[in-house]
Amino acid sequence: KQWYQRRVRGSQSGAQWRRRWLELIFTKLFFYESDDEVKPLGALDMLHLQVSDTRYEDQVSANYAFKITSRSFSIVIATETSYSLKRWLSVLEKATLALGVDSL
């Protein structure tokens, strides 16, 4: 569980960042408005999705960002620290393969 920033496209000024709460339970990644919310805004089943660091061509202004992609969508998420980035990448990569996933 942790706070994160999610890049949202479609505004007149380009991409905006929204602060949200993330929780991984086995292979499901849940998105919440805040840390005390009970009902998630949405969820992703991480099985077979790709998780990677962002690259220059992704045009991401955040320091500790990664992306989750499939054939039909791409989500960019920024964490608050380098440690958080490494931890999320590790557990999400395991979740995409359902390999001994810990909740985070």
N, C-alpha and C. Protein backbone atom coordinates (compact mmCIF):
# COMPACT_ATOMS: atom_id res chain seq x y z
N LYS A 1 0.85 -1.18 0.00
CA LYS A 1 0.00 0.00 0.00
C LYS A 1 0.89 1.23 0.00
N GLN A 2 0.53 2.19 -0.80
CA GLN A 2 1.34 3.40 -0.84
C GLN A 2 0.68 4.47 -1.69
N TRP A 3 1.01 5.71 -1.41
CA TRP A 3 0.59 6.82 -2.24
C TRP A 3 1.37 6.78 -3.54
N TYR A 4 0.76 7.25 -4.59
CA TYR A 4 1.42 7.34 -5.88
C TYR A 4 0.80 8.49 -6.66
N GLN A 5 1.42 8.86 -7.75
CA GLN A 5 0.88 9.85 -8.66
C GLN A 5 0.58 9.13 -9.97
N ARG A 6 -0.59 9.35 -10.53
CA ARG A 6 -0.95 8.74 -11.80
C ARG A 6 -1.08 9.83 -12.84
N ARG A 7 -0.43 9.63 -13.98
CA ARG A 7 -0.50 10.61 -15.05
C ARG A 7 -1.81 10.41 -15.80
N VAL A 8 -2.54 11.52 -15.96
CA VAL A 8 -3.82 11.50 -16.65
C VAL A 8 -3.71 12.40 -17.87
N ARG A 9 -3.98 11.87 -19.01
CA ARG A 9 -3.94 12.65 -20.25
C ARG A 9 -5.29 13.29 -20.53
N GLY A 10 -5.27 14.23 -21.48
CA GLY A 10 -6.53 14.78 -21.95
C GLY A 10 -6.81 16.20 -21.50
N SER A 11 -5.97 16.78 -20.67
CA SER A 11 -6.20 18.16 -20.27
C SER A 11 -5.62 19.08 -21.34
N GLN A 12 -6.01 20.33 -21.33
CA GLN A 12 -5.51 21.28 -22.31
C GLN A 12 -4.03 21.54 -22.16
N SER A 13 -3.51 21.41 -20.96
CA SER A 13 -2.10 21.67 -20.71
C SER A 13 -1.25 20.41 -20.83
N GLY A 14 -1.79 19.35 -21.41
CA GLY A 14 -1.05 18.10 -21.53
C GLY A 14 -1.41 17.16 -20.40
N ALA A 15 -0.44 16.40 -19.94
CA ALA A 15 -0.68 15.42 -18.89
C ALA A 15 -0.73 16.08 -17.52
N GLN A 16 -1.61 15.61 -16.67
CA GLN A 16 -1.70 16.05 -15.28
C GLN A 16 -1.41 14.85 -14.39
N TRP A 17 -1.01 15.14 -13.15
CA TRP A 17 -0.75 14.08 -12.18
C TRP A 17 -1.80 14.15 -11.09
N ARG A 18 -2.34 12.99 -10.71
CA ARG A 18 -3.32 12.92 -9.62
C ARG A 18 -2.77 11.99 -8.55
N ARG A 19 -2.82 12.47 -7.31
CA ARG A 19 -2.34 11.67 -6.19
C ARG A 19 -3.43 10.67 -5.79
N ARG A 20 -3.06 9.40 -5.73
CA ARG A 20 -3.99 8.32 -5.39
C ARG A 20 -3.29 7.31 -4.48
N TRP A 21 -4.05 6.36 -3.98
CA TRP A 21 -3.56 5.30 -3.11
C TRP A 21 -3.59 4.00 -3.88
N LEU A 22 -2.51 3.24 -3.81
CA LEU A 22 -2.35 1.98 -4.53
C LEU A 22 -2.27 0.83 -3.54
N GLU A 23 -2.86 -0.31 -3.91
CA GLU A 23 -2.73 -1.50 -3.09
C GLU A 23 -2.67 -2.72 -4.02
N LEU A 24 -1.68 -3.56 -3.80
CA LEU A 24 -1.56 -4.80 -4.55
C LEU A 24 -1.95 -5.96 -3.65
N ILE A 25 -2.93 -6.74 -4.11
CA ILE A 25 -3.34 -7.95 -3.40
C ILE A 25 -3.23 -9.09 -4.39
N PHE A 26 -2.22 -9.92 -4.17
CA PHE A 26 -1.87 -11.01 -5.08
C PHE A 26 -1.62 -10.46 -6.48
N THR A 27 -2.47 -10.73 -7.44
CA THR A 27 -2.23 -10.22 -8.80
C THR A 27 -3.13 -9.04 -9.16
N LYS A 28 -3.90 -8.55 -8.21
CA LYS A 28 -4.81 -7.42 -8.46
C LYS A 28 -4.23 -6.13 -7.89
N LEU A 29 -4.17 -5.11 -8.74
CA LEU A 29 -3.70 -3.79 -8.33
C LEU A 29 -4.93 -2.88 -8.22
N PHE A 30 -5.18 -2.38 -7.00
CA PHE A 30 -6.35 -1.55 -6.73
C PHE A 30 -5.93 -0.08 -6.62
N PHE A 31 -6.78 0.80 -7.15
CA PHE A 31 -6.57 2.25 -7.13
C PHE A 31 -7.65 2.88 -6.27
N TYR A 32 -7.25 3.71 -5.29
CA TYR A 32 -8.19 4.37 -4.39
C TYR A 32 -7.99 5.88 -4.43
N GLU A 33 -9.05 6.60 -4.10
CA GLU A 33 -8.98 8.05 -4.00
C GLU A 33 -8.06 8.47 -2.84
N SER A 34 -8.18 7.75 -1.71
CA SER A 34 -7.35 8.05 -0.55
C SER A 34 -7.11 6.77 0.25
N ASP A 35 -6.25 6.86 1.26
CA ASP A 35 -5.88 5.67 2.03
C ASP A 35 -6.98 5.18 2.96
N ASP A 36 -8.04 5.97 3.17
CA ASP A 36 -9.12 5.52 4.04
C ASP A 36 -10.37 5.10 3.26
N GLU A 37 -10.28 5.07 1.95
CA GLU A 37 -11.40 4.62 1.11
C GLU A 37 -11.56 3.11 1.20
N VAL A 38 -12.78 2.64 1.14
CA VAL A 38 -13.06 1.21 1.17
C VAL A 38 -13.29 0.69 -0.25
N LYS A 39 -13.97 1.48 -1.06
CA LYS A 39 -14.28 1.06 -2.42
C LYS A 39 -13.23 1.62 -3.38
N PRO A 40 -12.58 0.75 -4.17
CA PRO A 40 -11.57 1.24 -5.10
C PRO A 40 -12.18 1.98 -6.28
N LEU A 41 -11.39 2.91 -6.85
CA LEU A 41 -11.79 3.58 -8.08
C LEU A 41 -11.72 2.61 -9.26
N GLY A 42 -10.82 1.66 -9.15
CA GLY A 42 -10.65 0.68 -10.21
C GLY A 42 -9.62 -0.35 -9.81
N ALA A 43 -9.45 -1.32 -10.68
CA ALA A 43 -8.48 -2.38 -10.40
C ALA A 43 -7.95 -2.94 -11.72
N LEU A 44 -6.74 -3.44 -11.67
CA LEU A 44 -6.12 -4.11 -12.81
C LEU A 44 -5.71 -5.50 -12.39
N ASP A 45 -6.00 -6.47 -13.23
CA ASP A 45 -5.42 -7.79 -13.02
C ASP A 45 -4.07 -7.76 -13.70
N MET A 46 -3.00 -7.91 -12.94
CA MET A 46 -1.65 -7.73 -13.45
C MET A 46 -1.14 -8.90 -14.28
N LEU A 47 -1.86 -10.02 -14.26
CA LEU A 47 -1.42 -11.17 -15.04
C LEU A 47 -1.25 -10.80 -16.51
N HIS A 48 -0.08 -11.08 -17.03
CA HIS A 48 0.25 -10.89 -18.44
C HIS A 48 0.41 -9.43 -18.87
N LEU A 49 0.39 -8.48 -17.96
CA LEU A 49 0.69 -7.10 -18.30
C LEU A 49 2.20 -6.89 -18.24
N GLN A 50 2.68 -5.81 -18.81
CA GLN A 50 4.11 -5.51 -18.77
C GLN A 50 4.35 -4.33 -17.83
N VAL A 51 5.42 -4.45 -17.04
CA VAL A 51 5.82 -3.39 -16.12
C VAL A 51 7.24 -3.01 -16.47
N SER A 52 7.50 -1.70 -16.60
CA SER A 52 8.85 -1.26 -16.96
C SER A 52 9.12 0.15 -16.47
N ASP A 53 10.40 0.49 -16.40
CA ASP A 53 10.79 1.87 -16.13
C ASP A 53 10.32 2.74 -17.28
N THR A 54 10.11 4.01 -17.00
CA THR A 54 9.80 4.93 -18.08
C THR A 54 11.10 5.30 -18.80
N ARG A 55 10.97 5.71 -20.01
CA ARG A 55 12.12 6.10 -20.83
C ARG A 55 11.95 7.54 -21.29
N TYR A 56 12.98 8.09 -21.85
CA TYR A 56 12.96 9.48 -22.32
C TYR A 56 11.76 9.73 -23.25
N GLU A 57 11.53 8.81 -24.16
CA GLU A 57 10.45 8.99 -25.13
C GLU A 57 9.05 8.96 -24.50
N ASP A 58 8.95 8.51 -23.26
CA ASP A 58 7.66 8.53 -22.56
C ASP A 58 7.30 9.94 -22.09
N GLN A 59 8.25 10.85 -22.11
CA GLN A 59 8.06 12.24 -21.72
C GLN A 59 7.41 12.37 -20.34
N VAL A 60 8.03 11.74 -19.36
CA VAL A 60 7.53 11.76 -17.99
C VAL A 60 8.36 12.72 -17.17
N SER A 61 7.70 13.62 -16.46
CA SER A 61 8.41 14.63 -15.68
C SER A 61 8.73 14.18 -14.26
N ALA A 62 8.27 13.02 -13.84
CA ALA A 62 8.50 12.53 -12.48
C ALA A 62 9.81 11.76 -12.40
N ASN A 63 10.46 11.82 -11.24
CA ASN A 63 11.74 11.15 -11.05
C ASN A 63 11.64 9.64 -10.90
N TYR A 64 10.65 9.14 -10.19
CA TYR A 64 10.57 7.72 -9.86
C TYR A 64 9.31 7.11 -10.48
N ALA A 65 9.30 7.01 -11.79
CA ALA A 65 8.10 6.58 -12.51
C ALA A 65 8.31 5.24 -13.20
N PHE A 66 7.21 4.53 -13.38
CA PHE A 66 7.19 3.30 -14.16
C PHE A 66 5.88 3.25 -14.92
N LYS A 67 5.81 2.31 -15.86
CA LYS A 67 4.57 2.19 -16.61
C LYS A 67 4.09 0.75 -16.64
N ILE A 68 2.78 0.63 -16.72
CA ILE A 68 2.11 -0.65 -16.86
C ILE A 68 1.45 -0.62 -18.23
N THR A 69 1.74 -1.62 -19.05
CA THR A 69 1.19 -1.60 -20.40
C THR A 69 0.58 -2.94 -20.79
N SER A 70 -0.36 -2.83 -21.70
CA SER A 70 -0.94 -3.99 -22.37
C SER A 70 -1.03 -3.61 -23.84
N ARG A 71 -1.69 -4.40 -24.62
CA ARG A 71 -1.87 -4.06 -26.04
C ARG A 71 -2.78 -2.86 -26.22
N SER A 72 -3.68 -2.62 -25.28
CA SER A 72 -4.69 -1.57 -25.46
C SER A 72 -4.52 -0.33 -24.59
N PHE A 73 -3.63 -0.34 -23.61
CA PHE A 73 -3.48 0.84 -22.76
C PHE A 73 -2.08 0.91 -22.16
N SER A 74 -1.78 2.09 -21.63
CA SER A 74 -0.54 2.33 -20.91
C SER A 74 -0.84 3.28 -19.76
N ILE A 75 -0.40 2.93 -18.56
CA ILE A 75 -0.58 3.76 -17.37
C ILE A 75 0.79 4.11 -16.83
N VAL A 76 1.02 5.39 -16.55
CA VAL A 76 2.27 5.83 -15.96
C VAL A 76 2.01 6.17 -14.50
N ILE A 77 2.84 5.61 -13.61
CA ILE A 77 2.70 5.81 -12.17
C ILE A 77 4.03 6.29 -11.62
N ALA A 78 3.98 7.28 -10.74
CA ALA A 78 5.19 7.80 -10.11
C ALA A 78 5.12 7.57 -8.61
N THR A 79 6.19 7.04 -8.04
CA THR A 79 6.28 6.85 -6.60
C THR A 79 7.05 8.02 -6.00
N GLU A 80 7.18 8.03 -4.68
CA GLU A 80 7.80 9.17 -4.01
C GLU A 80 9.30 9.01 -3.79
N THR A 81 9.80 7.76 -3.83
CA THR A 81 11.23 7.54 -3.57
C THR A 81 11.79 6.47 -4.52
N SER A 82 13.10 6.44 -4.62
CA SER A 82 13.78 5.43 -5.41
C SER A 82 13.51 4.04 -4.84
N TYR A 83 13.53 3.91 -3.52
CA TYR A 83 13.25 2.63 -2.88
C TYR A 83 11.84 2.13 -3.25
N SER A 84 10.85 3.03 -3.19
CA SER A 84 9.48 2.65 -3.54
C SER A 84 9.39 2.19 -4.99
N LEU A 85 10.08 2.88 -5.86
CA LEU A 85 10.09 2.49 -7.27
C LEU A 85 10.62 1.07 -7.44
N LYS A 86 11.76 0.79 -6.83
CA LYS A 86 12.36 -0.55 -6.94
C LYS A 86 11.44 -1.62 -6.35
N ARG A 87 10.83 -1.32 -5.23
CA ARG A 87 9.93 -2.29 -4.57
C ARG A 87 8.71 -2.56 -5.42
N TRP A 88 8.07 -1.51 -5.94
CA TRP A 88 6.90 -1.69 -6.79
C TRP A 88 7.25 -2.46 -8.05
N LEU A 89 8.35 -2.12 -8.70
CA LEU A 89 8.75 -2.85 -9.90
C LEU A 89 8.93 -4.34 -9.61
N SER A 90 9.55 -4.63 -8.49
CA SER A 90 9.80 -6.02 -8.12
C SER A 90 8.50 -6.80 -7.91
N VAL A 91 7.60 -6.28 -7.09
CA VAL A 91 6.38 -7.03 -6.79
C VAL A 91 5.42 -7.05 -7.98
N LEU A 92 5.38 -5.99 -8.77
CA LEU A 92 4.48 -5.98 -9.92
C LEU A 92 4.97 -6.92 -11.01
N GLU A 93 6.27 -7.01 -11.19
CA GLU A 93 6.80 -7.96 -12.17
C GLU A 93 6.45 -9.39 -11.77
N LYS A 94 6.52 -9.69 -10.47
CA LYS A 94 6.10 -11.00 -10.00
C LYS A 94 4.60 -11.21 -10.21
N ALA A 95 3.82 -10.17 -10.00
CA ALA A 95 2.36 -10.27 -10.16
C ALA A 95 1.98 -10.56 -11.61
N THR A 96 2.75 -10.03 -12.56
CA THR A 96 2.43 -10.29 -13.97
C THR A 96 2.60 -11.75 -14.33
N LEU A 97 3.40 -12.45 -13.54
CA LEU A 97 3.65 -13.88 -13.78
C LEU A 97 3.03 -14.77 -12.71
N ALA A 98 2.41 -14.14 -11.69
CA ALA A 98 1.81 -14.84 -10.54
C ALA A 98 2.86 -15.69 -9.82
N LEU A 99 4.04 -15.13 -9.62
CA LEU A 99 5.15 -15.85 -8.94
C LEU A 99 5.30 -15.37 -7.51
N GLY A 100 4.80 -16.08 -6.57
CA GLY A 100 5.02 -15.79 -5.16
C GLY A 100 4.82 -14.33 -4.81
N VAL A 101 3.69 -13.77 -5.19
CA VAL A 101 3.44 -12.36 -5.01
C VAL A 101 3.09 -12.06 -3.56
N ASP A 102 3.75 -11.06 -2.99
CA ASP A 102 3.41 -10.54 -1.67
C ASP A 102 2.46 -9.38 -1.87
N SER A 103 1.60 -9.15 -0.91
CA SER A 103 0.78 -7.94 -0.96
C SER A 103 1.65 -6.77 -0.60
N LEU A 104 1.36 -5.64 -1.18
CA LEU A 104 2.13 -4.42 -0.89
C LEU A 104 1.16 -3.32 -0.58
